[in-house]
Protein backbone atom coordinates (compact mmCIF):
# COMPACT_ATOMS: atom_id res chain seq x y z
CA MET A 1 -23.07 -32.96 27.54
CA ASP A 2 -20.27 -32.02 25.13
CA ALA A 3 -21.63 -29.21 22.93
CA ALA A 4 -20.14 -30.85 19.83
CA ALA A 5 -22.36 -33.90 20.39
CA THR A 6 -25.47 -31.81 19.67
CA LEU A 7 -24.12 -30.38 16.41
CA THR A 8 -24.28 -31.75 12.88
CA PRO A 9 -21.79 -30.68 10.20
CA GLU A 10 -24.56 -28.75 8.43
CA SER A 11 -25.68 -26.90 11.58
CA LEU A 12 -22.10 -26.03 12.52
CA LEU A 13 -21.37 -24.68 9.05
CA ARG A 14 -24.59 -22.64 8.96
CA ARG A 15 -23.81 -21.17 12.37
CA LEU A 16 -20.28 -20.26 11.35
CA GLN A 17 -21.44 -18.73 8.06
CA TRP A 18 -23.84 -16.47 9.96
CA ARG A 19 -21.80 -15.65 13.07
CA VAL A 20 -18.23 -15.75 11.79
CA VAL A 21 -17.82 -15.68 8.00
CA ARG A 22 -20.15 -12.73 7.35
CA ARG A 23 -18.44 -10.66 10.04
CA LEU A 24 -14.99 -11.76 8.91
CA ASP A 25 -15.81 -10.75 5.33
CA GLY A 26 -16.61 -7.29 6.65
CA ARG A 27 -13.35 -7.09 8.60
CA LEU A 28 -11.25 -8.40 5.69
CA GLN A 29 -13.37 -6.73 3.01
CA GLY A 30 -14.13 -10.16 1.58
CA ASP A 31 -10.47 -10.86 0.88
CA TYR A 32 -9.66 -14.19 2.55
CA ARG A 33 -6.25 -14.08 0.88
CA THR A 34 -5.06 -11.49 3.39
CA LEU A 35 -5.26 -14.41 5.81
CA PHE A 36 -4.25 -17.23 3.45
CA ARG A 37 -1.84 -16.18 0.78
CA GLY A 38 -0.83 -18.58 -1.94
CA SER A 39 2.61 -20.01 -2.43
CA GLY A 40 3.39 -17.77 -5.41
CA LEU A 41 5.56 -19.76 -7.75
CA ASP A 42 5.59 -17.49 -10.82
CA PHE A 43 8.77 -15.40 -10.77
CA THR A 44 8.30 -11.77 -11.81
CA ASP A 45 11.18 -9.56 -10.63
CA LEU A 46 14.21 -9.05 -8.40
CA ARG A 47 14.67 -6.39 -5.73
CA GLU A 48 16.97 -5.69 -2.80
CA TYR A 49 16.26 -7.56 0.41
CA GLU A 50 14.20 -5.72 3.06
CA ALA A 51 13.80 -6.62 6.72
CA GLY A 52 11.03 -9.19 7.13
CA ASP A 53 11.37 -10.72 3.64
CA ASP A 54 11.15 -14.49 3.37
CA LEU A 55 14.75 -15.77 3.42
CA ARG A 56 13.70 -18.64 1.14
CA HIS A 57 13.27 -16.09 -1.68
CA ILE A 58 16.87 -14.83 -1.60
CA ASP A 59 18.55 -15.25 -5.00
CA TRP A 60 22.03 -16.30 -3.90
CA ASN A 61 23.61 -16.02 -7.35
CA VAL A 62 22.50 -12.40 -7.80
CA THR A 63 23.40 -11.66 -4.16
CA ALA A 64 26.93 -12.90 -4.75
CA ARG A 65 27.33 -10.84 -7.94
CA MET A 66 25.88 -7.62 -6.47
CA ASP A 67 27.45 -8.05 -3.02
CA THR A 68 24.11 -7.20 -1.41
CA PRO A 69 21.10 -9.45 -0.68
CA TYR A 70 18.46 -9.68 -3.45
CA VAL A 71 15.13 -11.50 -3.29
CA ARG A 72 12.90 -12.90 -6.00
CA GLU A 73 9.34 -11.59 -6.27
CA TYR A 74 6.53 -13.87 -7.32
CA VAL A 75 2.99 -13.57 -8.58
CA GLU A 76 0.72 -15.19 -6.01
CA ASP A 77 -1.05 -18.33 -7.16
CA ARG A 78 -4.77 -17.93 -7.58
CA GLU A 79 -5.44 -21.33 -6.09
CA VAL A 80 -3.67 -23.21 -3.32
CA THR A 81 -3.85 -26.67 -1.88
CA ALA A 82 -4.33 -26.48 1.88
CA TRP A 83 -3.71 -29.13 4.52
CA LEU A 84 -5.28 -28.84 7.97
CA LEU A 85 -3.22 -30.71 10.60
CA LEU A 86 -5.65 -31.14 13.50
CA ASP A 87 -4.87 -32.33 17.02
CA ARG A 88 -7.67 -34.43 18.56
CA SER A 89 -5.70 -35.79 21.52
CA ALA A 90 -7.18 -36.15 25.01
CA SER A 91 -6.03 -32.72 26.23
CA MET A 92 -8.20 -31.09 23.53
CA SER A 93 -11.30 -32.14 25.51
CA PHE A 94 -10.46 -29.58 28.21
CA GLY A 95 -12.46 -26.37 28.56
CA PRO A 96 -16.00 -25.19 29.30
CA VAL A 97 -18.74 -27.74 28.66
CA ASP A 98 -20.22 -25.53 25.93
CA ARG A 99 -16.89 -24.72 24.23
CA GLN A 100 -14.12 -27.19 24.80
CA LYS A 101 -10.87 -26.89 22.91
CA SER A 102 -12.05 -29.63 20.58
CA LEU A 103 -15.09 -27.56 19.58
CA VAL A 104 -12.92 -24.48 18.99
CA THR A 105 -10.73 -26.65 16.76
CA ALA A 106 -13.82 -27.75 14.81
CA GLU A 107 -14.96 -24.12 14.47
CA VAL A 108 -11.55 -22.92 13.30
CA ALA A 109 -11.03 -25.79 10.86
CA THR A 110 -14.54 -25.55 9.41
CA THR A 111 -14.25 -21.79 8.97
CA LEU A 112 -10.87 -22.02 7.26
CA ALA A 113 -11.99 -24.90 5.06
CA TYR A 114 -15.10 -22.95 4.00
CA LEU A 115 -13.15 -19.78 3.19
CA LEU A 116 -10.60 -21.72 1.17
CA ALA A 117 -13.19 -23.82 -0.65
CA ARG A 118 -15.13 -20.67 -1.48
CA GLY A 119 -12.04 -19.46 -3.30
CA GLY A 120 -11.84 -22.62 -5.40
CA ASN A 121 -9.03 -24.23 -3.42
CA ARG A 122 -8.56 -27.87 -2.50
CA ILE A 123 -8.42 -28.78 1.20
CA GLY A 124 -7.21 -31.95 2.87
CA ALA A 125 -6.92 -32.80 6.56
CA LEU A 126 -4.92 -34.97 8.93
CA LEU A 127 -6.51 -35.79 12.30
CA LEU A 128 -4.45 -37.03 15.25
CA ASP A 129 -5.98 -39.14 18.02
CA ASP A 130 -4.90 -42.80 18.44
CA GLY A 131 -3.16 -42.48 15.08
CA VAL A 132 -3.30 -40.19 12.07
CA ARG A 133 -6.40 -40.25 9.86
CA THR A 134 -6.17 -38.73 6.39
CA ILE A 135 -8.95 -36.90 4.56
CA PRO A 136 -7.64 -36.54 0.99
CA PRO A 137 -7.80 -33.08 -0.63
CA GLY A 138 -11.10 -32.10 -2.16
CA SER A 139 -13.03 -28.97 -2.97
CA GLY A 140 -16.47 -27.54 -2.49
CA ARG A 141 -19.05 -27.58 0.29
CA ASN A 142 -19.10 -31.37 0.56
CA GLN A 143 -15.40 -31.39 1.42
CA VAL A 144 -15.97 -28.79 4.14
CA LEU A 145 -18.75 -30.94 5.60
CA ARG A 146 -16.54 -34.04 5.38
CA ILE A 147 -13.86 -32.37 7.50
CA SER A 148 -16.43 -30.95 9.92
CA ARG A 149 -18.08 -34.35 10.34
CA ALA A 150 -14.78 -35.99 11.24
CA LEU A 151 -14.10 -33.34 13.87
CA LEU A 152 -17.53 -33.67 15.47
CA GLU A 153 -17.15 -37.43 15.90
CA PRO A 154 -15.76 -38.63 19.27
CA PRO A 155 -11.98 -39.02 19.04
CA ARG A 156 -10.51 -42.49 19.14
CA GLU A 157 -8.69 -43.13 22.42
CA PRO A 158 -5.16 -44.55 22.21
CA ALA A 159 -4.48 -47.88 23.87
CA ASP A 160 -1.86 -46.37 26.18
CA ARG A 161 -2.51 -43.02 27.90
CA THR A 162 0.69 -41.11 27.29
CA THR A 163 1.47 -37.53 26.40
CA THR A 164 0.68 -36.71 22.78
CA ASP A 165 3.52 -36.73 20.28
CA LEU A 166 2.71 -33.83 17.96
CA GLY A 167 5.72 -34.79 15.86
CA VAL A 168 3.73 -37.79 14.54
CA LEU A 169 1.14 -35.42 13.04
CA LEU A 170 3.76 -33.09 11.60
CA HIS A 171 5.74 -35.95 10.07
CA ALA A 172 2.51 -37.18 8.47
CA GLY A 173 2.05 -33.70 7.02
CA LEU A 174 5.48 -33.91 5.44
CA GLY A 175 4.46 -37.16 3.83
CA VAL A 176 1.20 -36.01 2.23
CA ALA A 177 1.97 -32.42 1.20
CA ARG A 178 4.17 -33.10 -1.81
CA ARG A 179 4.03 -29.76 -3.61
CA ARG A 180 4.15 -26.38 -1.92
CA SER A 181 0.93 -25.88 0.05
CA LEU A 182 -0.70 -23.92 2.80
CA VAL A 183 -0.38 -25.96 6.02
CA VAL A 184 -2.44 -24.98 9.05
CA VAL A 185 -1.53 -26.72 12.33
CA VAL A 186 -4.26 -26.53 15.01
CA SER A 187 -3.22 -27.92 18.40
CA ASP A 188 -2.81 -27.03 22.06
CA PHE A 189 0.87 -27.99 21.63
CA ILE A 190 0.78 -30.11 24.79
CA SER A 191 3.19 -32.67 23.46
CA GLN A 192 6.28 -34.69 23.97
CA PRO A 193 9.40 -32.79 22.84
CA GLY A 194 10.81 -33.23 19.37
CA TRP A 195 8.14 -31.55 17.24
CA GLU A 196 10.35 -28.58 16.36
CA ARG A 197 12.29 -30.43 13.65
CA PRO A 198 9.32 -31.67 11.58
CA LEU A 199 7.71 -28.24 11.96
CA SER A 200 10.92 -26.66 10.69
CA LEU A 201 10.93 -29.00 7.69
CA LEU A 202 7.32 -28.05 6.96
CA THR A 203 8.09 -24.31 7.06
CA ARG A 204 10.95 -24.78 4.60
CA ARG A 205 8.64 -26.35 2.02
CA HIS A 206 5.26 -24.78 2.76
CA ASP A 207 3.44 -21.72 4.02
CA VAL A 208 2.73 -22.76 7.62
CA VAL A 209 0.23 -21.23 10.04
CA ALA A 210 0.44 -22.53 13.63
CA LEU A 211 -2.67 -22.00 15.78
CA GLN A 212 -2.55 -22.83 19.49
CA VAL A 213 -5.96 -23.57 21.01
CA ALA A 214 -5.90 -22.85 24.75
CA ASP A 215 -8.21 -22.45 27.72
CA PRO A 216 -7.56 -19.76 30.38
CA ARG A 217 -8.10 -22.26 33.21
CA GLU A 218 -5.04 -24.19 32.09
CA THR A 219 -2.92 -21.34 33.43
CA ASP A 220 -5.24 -19.67 35.94
CA LEU A 221 -7.16 -22.18 38.08
CA PRO A 222 -10.29 -20.85 39.81
CA SER A 223 -9.95 -20.55 43.58
CA VAL A 224 -12.25 -23.39 44.75
CA GLY A 225 -10.23 -24.92 47.60
CA MET A 226 -8.89 -28.47 47.68
CA VAL A 227 -9.55 -30.39 44.46
CA TYR A 228 -8.20 -33.28 42.45
CA VAL A 229 -6.61 -32.20 39.16
CA GLU A 230 -6.24 -34.83 36.44
CA ASP A 231 -3.85 -34.84 33.50
CA ALA A 232 -6.15 -35.41 30.51
CA GLU A 233 -3.35 -37.10 28.58
CA THR A 234 -2.00 -39.58 31.16
CA GLY A 235 -4.84 -39.79 33.70
CA GLU A 236 -2.44 -38.89 36.54
CA GLN A 237 -4.19 -37.12 39.44
CA ILE A 238 -2.87 -34.78 42.13
CA PHE A 239 -4.62 -33.14 45.09
CA VAL A 240 -4.03 -29.38 45.18
CA ASP A 241 -5.21 -26.35 47.13
CA THR A 242 -6.37 -23.90 44.47
CA SER A 243 -6.83 -21.24 47.16
CA ASP A 244 -3.13 -21.27 48.08
CA PRO A 245 -1.62 -18.03 46.67
CA VAL A 246 1.87 -19.56 46.54
CA PHE A 247 0.60 -22.52 44.48
CA ARG A 248 -1.33 -20.21 42.16
CA GLU A 249 1.73 -18.00 41.68
CA ARG A 250 3.96 -20.97 40.91
CA LEU A 251 1.39 -22.35 38.46
CA ALA A 252 1.13 -19.02 36.65
CA ALA A 253 4.92 -18.67 36.49
CA ALA A 254 5.36 -22.20 35.13
CA ALA A 255 2.63 -21.61 32.56
CA GLY A 256 4.23 -18.35 31.48
CA GLU A 257 7.61 -20.01 31.04
CA ARG A 258 6.05 -22.84 29.04
CA GLN A 259 4.24 -20.39 26.76
CA GLU A 260 7.41 -18.39 26.15
CA GLU A 261 9.24 -21.59 25.25
CA LEU A 262 6.46 -22.66 22.87
CA VAL A 263 6.56 -19.31 21.08
CA ALA A 264 10.36 -19.43 20.88
CA THR A 265 10.31 -23.02 19.58
CA ALA A 266 7.84 -22.14 16.84
CA ARG A 267 9.93 -19.14 15.82
CA ARG A 268 13.07 -21.26 15.67
CA ALA A 269 11.13 -23.58 13.38
CA GLY A 270 10.29 -20.64 11.12
CA THR A 271 6.72 -19.65 11.99
CA ASP A 272 4.70 -17.61 14.49
CA LEU A 273 2.47 -19.26 17.08
CA HIS A 274 -1.00 -17.68 17.09
CA ARG A 275 -3.14 -18.25 20.20
CA VAL A 276 -6.91 -18.82 20.04
CA ALA A 277 -8.57 -19.21 23.45
CA THR A 278 -11.87 -20.91 24.24
CA ASP A 279 -13.26 -17.58 25.49
CA ASP A 280 -12.06 -15.59 22.46
CA ASP A 281 -14.32 -14.17 19.79
CA LEU A 282 -13.35 -16.23 16.74
CA VAL A 283 -13.79 -13.31 14.32
CA ARG A 284 -11.45 -11.09 16.31
CA SER A 285 -8.93 -13.92 16.65
CA LEU A 286 -8.84 -14.65 12.91
CA ALA A 287 -8.77 -10.95 12.02
CA ARG A 288 -5.84 -10.48 14.41
CA ILE A 289 -3.98 -13.38 12.80
CA SER A 290 -4.69 -11.91 9.36
CA GLU A 291 -3.26 -8.54 10.37
CA LEU A 292 -0.13 -10.09 11.91
CA ARG A 293 0.48 -12.15 8.78
CA ARG A 294 -0.09 -9.13 6.57
CA ARG A 295 2.46 -7.11 8.52
CA ARG A 296 4.96 -9.93 8.51
CA ARG A 297 4.73 -10.30 4.74
CA GLY A 298 4.75 -6.54 4.16
């Protein structure tokens, strides 16, 4: 049985508060804003550009006058509006019975929603399965439970089994996030091509965090002999010899190339791609993301 089917929103939140949030508070010294920084719209000062600064903050008029790049500094907003863009397509059902990618997505989204709501922020969500479902922004514990409940429900299956188009979810994000917001995309990024452009548009307007949920067996099949392997998105099946070292090497090489391309695509769109695996400790994963974002922002 899918582990998510035995959970309620309340039990999931209680478990995450005890196992994840308390430990994360200790790692981040209670400062969730090291992981989720606001959009910072109050201008305070100008200074010379330094490597790693956000190019969107360059003051081009001052740069032209001084003949050297200058950036604007801002006071960070106390409160932010956050949008969680959550992939619930068929490939998210892959993974161990007790911790499929869909459950990791629910854990990540519920944790982030709780941390943000605890800080007085409003959180909305978009869920992609056979279409895009919108949970309007709200605040408080009830909003966290509303998002968690939606993620624990069985996803709606599309009429036609085709590869997910992540661009549909990202375009929907562009439509709902009107003012500058924190946008967190949680997906395995198994998608039709074309999602780079809407992601790029999102990063121009918002603070975007891209989280890739993955399972190690997607790139490293266990050696169990001849088996049928099914594409969760299309239903296509192939018969493979998982004990064949040549096949395993080719699979690993193809997976490595795909991952490199995903990372490069996200960077071209203006954001980093952070990986969270089904066998990862969620606290360590989120703390690692926090540290990488802190370094990037300097």
